[in-house]
């Protein structure tokens, strides 16, 4: 077993070196397909613990991004707030990539590899004839400053998925290794400002943001035949054949997006929130290092709605539907959050984010607020947040 694993790794190195010199031509995951996998719903340590149900809450340092209408009602000024959320290598987002690609580009041969990848992720083969190494991860860092009706924010989101499908067998005295690799990554950064006004029982807000995107895609399929397996992968008796044209693409782009938000207070204990993200339908024209436009990433308007109810002085609960109008190739997702205030300085939190349960804690020491959250089950994540206010 150790010998087989060692040789498989050696074959992988050979394949990488070979693929680096191949001309472009293979299809790879598109930026549009990857967009739905970016974990923006984990923006903020408190938001992550509450299942991302923050559109109707809009009551902490992250509200400038979650719902720009909420900056006006904030009672405290946030000097600075920082958050980081990270999904595990076994997250749901590769499934989002697959479903989006299947809906928008059903003829893309990459779907076949992703389909096998999803299957391998649940039944990881451990025998000496096959190796599968799934990688699925995401991150959502953010930074906020709020003062009165104005909020400033810098929110990032990134996702990556990769397929390494290896078949290693001995046939007719020859060692045959088939290797397929598909890599897709997309990172977005939104930097902007929000402003809100209050009119009676309504709060209305707008956010204008600069959106920058980084896209990476690569794909190759290689067959390695070793005529004399006993010698290892010796150059004299090893041939490398391209089974599918390889491609590697790196591109960047930017655009300006506009979000609008509404909050209606039905009673002192109930409020409804609505936000329309990217209402102007910004399009990032992704350009590679040579200055050639490779593709466009269009962010269609996304409508998120929800309601928050304070049950008593200790407990409040939120229920929200995000992407209610099926924007960007995705469907609606349910987000539920419950917060129990143990005291004036500590809280327990529970949430459900697209089927993933979450738990969290919140502490306050003077003007310093600390938040922590974990997602449990099949799609785990971890999130931390801190902000200073007065």
Protein backbone atom coordinates (compact mmCIF):
# COMPACT_ATOMS: atom_id res chain seq x y z
CA UNK A 1 0.00 0.00 0.00
CA UNK A 2 2.70 2.62 0.83
CA UNK A 3 4.45 1.88 -2.49
CA UNK A 4 1.26 2.41 -4.48
CA UNK A 5 0.50 5.70 -2.72
CA UNK A 6 4.03 6.95 -3.27
CA UNK A 7 3.89 6.15 -6.98
CA UNK A 8 0.48 7.75 -7.33
CA UNK A 9 1.87 10.97 -5.84
CA UNK A 10 4.84 10.77 -8.22
CA UNK A 11 2.45 10.34 -11.14
CA UNK A 12 0.50 13.39 -9.95
CA UNK A 13 3.69 15.49 -9.98
CA UNK A 14 4.45 14.30 -13.54
CA UNK A 15 0.91 15.22 -14.59
CA UNK A 16 1.13 18.71 -13.07
CA UNK A 17 4.42 19.43 -14.84
CA UNK A 18 3.00 18.22 -18.11
CA UNK A 19 -0.28 20.08 -17.77
CA UNK A 20 1.53 23.37 -17.15
CA UNK A 21 2.88 23.32 -20.71
CA UNK A 22 -0.35 22.39 -22.49
CA UNK A 23 -2.28 24.88 -24.63
CA UNK A 24 -5.69 26.19 -23.62
CA UNK A 25 -8.85 24.56 -24.88
CA UNK A 26 -10.57 22.58 -22.13
CA UNK A 27 -13.70 23.77 -20.44
CA UNK A 28 -13.52 24.76 -16.77
CA UNK A 29 -15.99 25.86 -14.09
CA UNK A 30 -17.32 29.30 -14.98
CA UNK A 31 -17.20 32.32 -12.70
CA UNK A 32 -20.98 32.57 -12.97
CA UNK A 33 -21.32 28.99 -11.82
CA UNK A 34 -19.00 29.54 -8.86
CA UNK A 35 -20.75 32.71 -7.69
CA UNK A 36 -23.56 30.93 -5.85
CA UNK A 37 -20.94 29.06 -3.82
CA UNK A 38 -19.41 32.19 -2.25
CA UNK A 39 -20.42 32.03 1.45
CA UNK A 40 -21.66 35.60 1.94
CA UNK A 41 -24.37 34.23 4.26
CA UNK A 42 -21.66 33.75 6.91
CA UNK A 43 -20.73 37.45 7.04
CA UNK A 44 -20.30 38.32 10.72
CA UNK A 45 -19.74 36.15 13.78
CA UNK A 46 -23.21 36.86 15.20
CA UNK A 47 -24.88 36.43 11.82
CA UNK A 48 -23.22 33.04 11.32
CA UNK A 49 -24.54 31.79 14.68
CA UNK A 50 -28.05 33.00 13.82
CA UNK A 51 -28.20 31.11 10.52
CA UNK A 52 -27.62 34.25 8.44
CA UNK A 53 -31.07 35.57 9.48
CA UNK A 54 -29.95 39.21 9.70
CA UNK A 55 -31.94 41.06 7.03
CA UNK A 56 -34.85 41.75 9.40
CA UNK A 57 -32.68 42.12 12.55
CA UNK A 58 -30.30 44.79 11.27
CA UNK A 59 -29.20 45.66 14.78
CA UNK A 60 -25.43 45.19 15.02
CA UNK A 61 -22.17 46.33 13.42
CA UNK A 62 -22.72 44.26 10.25
CA UNK A 63 -26.05 45.84 9.34
CA UNK A 64 -24.52 48.24 6.80
CA UNK A 65 -24.03 45.21 4.55
CA UNK A 66 -26.93 42.96 5.59
CA UNK A 67 -29.58 45.66 5.27
CA UNK A 68 -28.57 49.31 4.74
CA UNK A 69 -31.90 50.45 6.19
CA UNK A 70 -30.72 49.36 9.63
CA UNK A 71 -27.89 51.83 10.14
CA UNK A 72 -30.21 54.63 11.29
CA UNK A 73 -31.73 52.81 14.29
CA UNK A 74 -28.32 51.77 15.70
CA UNK A 75 -27.97 53.28 19.16
CA UNK A 76 -24.19 52.92 19.39
CA UNK A 77 -21.33 53.97 17.18
CA UNK A 78 -19.09 51.14 16.07
CA UNK A 79 -15.50 52.31 15.92
CA UNK A 80 -14.42 49.14 14.18
CA UNK A 81 -15.78 45.64 13.76
CA UNK A 82 -13.97 42.66 12.25
CA UNK A 83 -15.25 39.19 11.42
CA UNK A 84 -13.97 36.00 9.83
CA UNK A 85 -15.89 32.88 8.84
CA UNK A 86 -14.36 29.74 7.35
CA UNK A 87 -16.14 26.68 5.97
CA UNK A 88 -14.64 23.24 6.29
CA UNK A 89 -13.24 21.19 3.38
CA UNK A 90 -16.45 19.14 3.51
CA UNK A 91 -18.95 21.92 2.85
CA UNK A 92 -22.11 22.10 0.81
CA UNK A 93 -20.81 24.67 -1.64
CA UNK A 94 -19.55 22.27 -4.28
CA UNK A 95 -23.15 21.07 -4.55
CA UNK A 96 -24.21 24.65 -5.21
CA UNK A 97 -21.59 24.92 -7.94
CA UNK A 98 -22.83 21.73 -9.57
CA UNK A 99 -26.52 22.70 -9.46
CA UNK A 100 -25.84 26.18 -10.83
CA UNK A 101 -23.69 24.85 -13.67
CA UNK A 102 -26.26 22.19 -14.49
CA UNK A 103 -28.92 24.90 -14.79
CA UNK A 104 -26.87 27.43 -16.77
CA UNK A 105 -24.49 25.28 -18.85
CA UNK A 106 -25.78 21.67 -19.03
CA UNK A 107 -23.44 20.75 -21.89
CA UNK A 108 -20.27 21.57 -19.94
CA UNK A 109 -18.24 18.33 -19.61
CA UNK A 110 -16.95 19.59 -16.27
CA UNK A 111 -20.30 18.51 -14.83
CA UNK A 112 -19.34 14.86 -15.25
CA UNK A 113 -16.23 15.29 -13.13
CA UNK A 114 -18.08 17.30 -10.50
CA UNK A 115 -20.76 14.63 -10.38
CA UNK A 116 -18.13 11.99 -9.68
CA UNK A 117 -16.50 14.32 -7.18
CA UNK A 118 -19.70 14.79 -5.19
CA UNK A 119 -20.20 11.03 -5.17
CA UNK A 120 -16.61 10.39 -4.10
CA UNK A 121 -16.99 12.93 -1.30
CA UNK A 122 -19.63 10.76 0.34
CA UNK A 123 -18.01 7.37 -0.42
CA UNK A 124 -14.30 8.04 -0.32
CA UNK A 125 -12.67 4.96 -1.92
CA UNK A 126 -9.68 3.73 0.07
CA UNK A 127 -8.38 0.91 -2.11
CA UNK A 128 -5.02 0.79 -3.86
CA UNK A 129 -6.61 1.18 -7.30
CA UNK A 130 -8.18 4.60 -6.80
CA UNK A 131 -7.44 7.85 -5.02
CA UNK A 132 -9.82 10.78 -4.69
CA UNK A 133 -8.83 13.99 -2.92
CA UNK A 134 -11.75 16.39 -2.58
CA UNK A 135 -11.20 20.01 -1.64
CA UNK A 136 -14.17 22.27 -0.96
CA UNK A 137 -13.75 25.38 1.14
CA UNK A 138 -14.90 28.95 1.58
CA UNK A 139 -14.14 32.07 3.62
CA UNK A 140 -15.92 35.35 4.44
CA UNK A 141 -13.82 38.10 6.08
CA UNK A 142 -15.39 41.49 6.82
CA UNK A 143 -14.72 44.90 8.37
CA UNK A 144 -17.29 47.52 9.45
CA UNK A 145 -17.48 51.10 10.75
CA UNK A 146 -20.84 52.70 11.68
CA UNK A 147 -21.77 56.19 12.87
CA UNK A 148 -25.34 57.38 13.00
CA UNK A 149 -27.09 56.88 9.67
CA UNK A 150 -23.85 56.06 7.82
CA UNK A 151 -22.10 52.73 7.61
CA UNK A 152 -18.85 51.72 5.94
CA UNK A 153 -18.06 48.12 5.10
CA UNK A 154 -15.51 45.87 3.43
CA UNK A 155 -16.87 42.36 2.94
CA UNK A 156 -15.13 39.50 1.19
CA UNK A 157 -16.21 36.08 0.06
CA UNK A 158 -14.23 33.29 -1.54
CA UNK A 159 -14.88 29.72 -2.55
CA UNK A 160 -12.74 27.00 -4.10
CA UNK A 161 -13.48 23.51 -5.29
CA UNK A 162 -11.13 21.01 -6.84
CA UNK A 163 -11.36 17.53 -8.30
CA UNK A 164 -8.42 15.15 -8.36
CA UNK A 165 -9.68 11.83 -9.71
CA UNK A 166 -6.97 9.20 -10.03
CA UNK A 167 -7.22 5.66 -11.44
CA UNK A 168 -4.12 3.48 -10.99
CA UNK A 169 -3.98 -0.07 -12.38
CA UNK A 170 -1.66 -2.75 -13.73
CA UNK A 171 -2.71 -4.08 -17.14
CA UNK A 172 -0.74 -6.40 -19.44
CA UNK A 173 2.42 -5.79 -17.44
CA UNK A 174 2.09 -2.02 -17.73
CA UNK A 175 1.11 0.49 -15.12
CA UNK A 176 -1.62 2.86 -16.31
CA UNK A 177 -2.51 5.97 -14.36
CA UNK A 178 -5.37 8.21 -15.49
CA UNK A 179 -5.60 11.57 -13.77
CA UNK A 180 -8.23 14.26 -14.05
CA UNK A 181 -7.96 17.61 -12.33
CA UNK A 182 -10.49 20.43 -12.31
CA UNK A 183 -10.02 23.54 -10.20
CA UNK A 184 -12.34 26.49 -9.80
CA UNK A 185 -11.97 29.46 -7.44
CA UNK A 186 -13.74 32.79 -7.14
CA UNK A 187 -13.07 35.61 -4.68
CA UNK A 188 -15.17 38.77 -4.40
CA UNK A 189 -14.63 41.89 -2.33
CA UNK A 190 -17.35 44.48 -1.73
CA UNK A 191 -16.23 47.84 -0.33
CA UNK A 192 -18.86 50.50 0.13
CA UNK A 193 -20.97 52.84 2.20
CA UNK A 194 -24.61 52.84 3.28
CA UNK A 195 -27.02 55.57 4.32
CA UNK A 196 -30.49 55.31 5.84
CA UNK A 197 -33.40 57.53 6.80
CA UNK A 198 -36.39 56.98 9.06
CA UNK A 199 -39.94 57.95 8.22
CA UNK A 200 -42.56 56.96 10.76
CA UNK A 201 -42.54 53.20 11.10
CA UNK A 202 -40.32 52.74 8.04
CA UNK A 203 -36.55 52.78 7.62
CA UNK A 204 -35.14 53.03 4.10
CA UNK A 205 -31.49 52.65 3.16
CA UNK A 206 -29.15 52.43 0.23
CA UNK A 207 -25.65 51.03 -0.13
CA UNK A 208 -23.22 51.73 -2.97
CA UNK A 209 -20.26 49.38 -3.28
CA UNK A 210 -17.24 48.74 -5.42
CA UNK A 211 -17.13 45.03 -6.31
CA UNK A 212 -13.84 43.44 -7.29
CA UNK A 213 -13.52 39.84 -8.41
CA UNK A 214 -10.71 37.35 -8.89
CA UNK A 215 -11.31 34.15 -10.86
CA UNK A 216 -9.13 31.10 -11.33
CA UNK A 217 -9.95 28.03 -13.38
CA UNK A 218 -7.89 25.07 -14.53
CA UNK A 219 -8.59 21.70 -16.03
CA UNK A 220 -6.60 18.80 -17.44
CA UNK A 221 -6.86 15.06 -18.03
CA UNK A 222 -3.67 13.02 -18.36
CA UNK A 223 -2.85 9.37 -18.95
CA UNK A 224 0.52 8.01 -17.83
CA UNK A 225 1.71 4.61 -19.03
CA UNK A 226 4.75 3.01 -17.40
CA UNK A 227 6.00 0.05 -19.45
CA UNK A 228 8.32 -1.11 -16.63
CA UNK A 229 6.57 -0.57 -13.30
CA UNK A 230 9.41 -2.13 -11.32
CA UNK A 231 11.69 0.81 -12.20
CA UNK A 232 9.28 3.47 -11.03
CA UNK A 233 8.31 6.30 -13.38
CA UNK A 234 11.53 6.27 -15.38
CA UNK A 235 11.58 8.70 -18.29
CA UNK A 236 12.85 6.01 -20.68
CA UNK A 237 9.77 3.79 -20.37
CA UNK A 238 7.06 6.27 -19.32
CA UNK A 239 4.75 8.08 -21.72
CA UNK A 240 2.33 10.89 -20.89
CA UNK A 241 -0.72 11.45 -23.06
CA UNK A 242 -3.21 14.29 -23.00
CA UNK A 243 -6.72 12.88 -22.79
CA UNK A 244 -8.41 16.27 -22.78
CA UNK A 245 -6.96 19.66 -23.74
CA UNK A 246 -5.78 21.49 -20.65
CA UNK A 247 -6.50 25.09 -19.76
CA UNK A 248 -5.47 27.49 -17.03
CA UNK A 249 -7.15 30.86 -16.71
CA UNK A 250 -6.70 33.71 -14.24
CA UNK A 251 -8.75 36.90 -14.54
CA UNK A 252 -9.90 39.94 -12.57
CA UNK A 253 -12.75 42.41 -12.93
CA UNK A 254 -14.71 45.09 -11.12
CA UNK A 255 -18.09 46.82 -11.14
CA UNK A 256 -20.27 49.10 -9.01
CA UNK A 257 -23.27 47.57 -7.23
CA UNK A 258 -26.26 49.13 -5.46
CA UNK A 259 -28.32 47.58 -2.66
CA UNK A 260 -31.56 48.98 -1.26
CA UNK A 261 -33.17 47.97 2.03
CA UNK A 262 -36.42 48.46 3.91
CA UNK A 263 -37.45 47.83 7.50
CA UNK A 264 -41.02 48.15 8.77
CA UNK A 265 -41.77 48.07 12.48
CA UNK A 266 -45.20 46.52 12.88
CA UNK A 267 -45.00 46.81 16.68
CA UNK A 268 -42.35 47.41 19.34
CA UNK A 269 -41.64 43.66 19.27
CA UNK A 270 -41.95 42.85 15.54
CA UNK A 271 -40.23 44.13 12.44
CA UNK A 272 -40.04 43.06 8.79
CA UNK A 273 -36.95 43.48 6.63
CA UNK A 274 -36.45 43.41 2.86
CA UNK A 275 -33.23 43.96 0.91
CA UNK A 276 -32.61 43.89 -2.82
CA UNK A 277 -28.95 43.23 -3.53
CA UNK A 278 -27.32 44.42 -6.73
CA UNK A 279 -30.50 46.05 -7.97
CA UNK A 280 -28.56 47.67 -10.83
CA UNK A 281 -27.41 44.23 -12.09
CA UNK A 282 -23.63 44.93 -12.06
CA UNK A 283 -21.46 43.02 -14.52
CA UNK A 284 -17.81 42.26 -13.83
CA UNK A 285 -15.88 42.05 -17.10
CA UNK A 286 -13.19 39.52 -16.21
CA UNK A 287 -9.89 40.29 -17.93
CA UNK A 288 -6.83 38.03 -17.93
CA UNK A 289 -3.22 39.12 -17.44
CA UNK A 290 -2.84 39.90 -21.16
CA UNK A 291 -5.77 42.32 -21.07
CA UNK A 292 -8.17 40.05 -22.95
CA UNK A 293 -11.75 39.79 -21.65
CA UNK A 294 -12.41 36.12 -20.91
CA UNK A 295 -16.01 36.17 -19.67
CA UNK A 296 -18.53 38.25 -17.76
CA UNK A 297 -19.86 37.72 -14.25
CA UNK A 298 -23.31 39.26 -13.96
CA UNK A 299 -24.80 39.65 -10.48
CA UNK A 300 -28.55 39.65 -10.86
CA UNK A 301 -30.81 41.34 -8.27
CA UNK A 302 -31.32 39.12 -5.22
CA UNK A 303 -34.32 39.66 -2.94
CA UNK A 304 -34.05 38.64 0.74
CA UNK A 305 -37.05 38.97 3.08
CA UNK A 306 -37.63 38.14 6.73
CA UNK A 307 -39.32 38.89 10.02
CA UNK A 308 -37.95 39.23 13.56
CA UNK A 309 -40.10 38.82 16.67
CA UNK A 310 -39.14 39.57 20.27
CA UNK A 311 -40.95 36.97 22.36
CA UNK A 312 -39.95 38.49 25.71
CA UNK A 313 -37.10 40.52 27.15
CA UNK A 314 -34.76 37.53 26.86
CA UNK A 315 -35.72 35.80 23.59
CA UNK A 316 -36.03 36.94 19.98
CA UNK A 317 -36.41 34.82 16.86
CA UNK A 318 -36.02 35.49 13.12
CA UNK A 319 -37.17 33.62 10.01
CA UNK A 320 -36.00 34.69 6.56
CA UNK A 321 -36.11 33.60 2.93
CA UNK A 322 -33.06 34.61 0.92
CA UNK A 323 -32.92 34.74 -2.87
CA UNK A 324 -36.69 34.56 -2.98
CA UNK A 325 -36.85 35.21 -6.74
CA UNK A 326 -34.34 32.56 -7.90
CA UNK A 327 -31.57 34.96 -8.94
CA UNK A 328 -28.19 33.92 -10.39
CA UNK A 329 -29.15 30.34 -11.09
CA UNK A 330 -29.90 29.53 -7.43
CA UNK A 331 -33.08 28.94 -5.49
CA UNK A 332 -34.55 30.29 -2.24
CA UNK A 333 -32.92 29.32 1.05
CA UNK A 334 -34.41 29.30 4.54
CA UNK A 335 -32.57 30.98 7.43
CA UNK A 336 -33.70 30.82 11.06
CA UNK A 337 -32.10 32.40 14.11
CA UNK A 338 -32.90 32.42 17.83
CA UNK A 339 -31.10 34.51 20.44
CA UNK A 340 -31.44 34.14 24.20
CA UNK A 341 -30.01 36.95 26.29
CA UNK A 342 -28.70 35.34 29.45
CA UNK A 343 -27.76 38.73 30.88
CA UNK A 344 -26.90 42.20 29.70
CA UNK A 345 -23.42 41.01 28.74
CA UNK A 346 -23.92 37.48 27.35
CA UNK A 347 -26.14 35.67 24.85
CA UNK A 348 -26.74 32.16 23.57
CA UNK A 349 -27.61 31.75 19.89
CA UNK A 350 -29.01 29.05 17.65
CA UNK A 351 -29.60 29.03 13.92
CA UNK A 352 -30.27 27.04 10.78
CA UNK A 353 -28.56 28.13 7.56
CA UNK A 354 -29.81 26.24 4.49
CA UNK A 355 -30.21 23.11 6.57
CA UNK A 356 -26.98 23.50 8.57
CA UNK A 357 -27.54 23.95 12.34
CA UNK A 358 -25.35 26.46 14.16
CA UNK A 359 -24.53 27.39 17.74
CA UNK A 360 -23.00 30.61 19.04
CA UNK A 361 -22.05 32.72 22.02
CA UNK A 362 -21.87 36.46 22.48
CA UNK A 363 -20.08 38.41 25.21
CA UNK A 364 -19.74 42.09 26.01
CA UNK A 365 -17.11 43.67 28.21
CA UNK A 366 -17.68 47.41 28.29
CA UNK A 367 -17.71 48.53 24.67
CA UNK A 368 -16.00 45.37 23.40
CA UNK A 369 -18.30 42.76 21.84
CA UNK A 370 -17.09 39.24 21.04
CA UNK A 371 -19.00 36.68 18.97
CA UNK A 372 -18.23 33.06 18.12
CA UNK A 373 -20.16 30.48 16.10
CA UNK A 374 -19.82 26.95 14.79
CA UNK A 375 -21.84 25.09 12.19
CA UNK A 376 -22.47 21.43 12.96
CA UNK A 377 -23.51 18.41 10.95
CA UNK A 378 -22.46 17.63 7.39
CA UNK A 379 -21.53 21.22 6.50
CA UNK A 380 -19.49 22.58 9.41
CA UNK A 381 -17.98 26.07 9.67
CA UNK A 382 -16.41 28.33 12.25
CA UNK A 383 -16.83 32.09 12.69
CA UNK A 384 -15.40 34.77 14.96
CA UNK A 385 -16.34 38.41 15.32
CA UNK A 386 -15.36 41.40 17.43
CA UNK A 387 -16.34 45.05 17.49
CA UNK A 388 -15.78 48.07 19.67
CA UNK A 389 -18.61 50.52 20.25
CA UNK A 390 -19.68 53.36 22.51
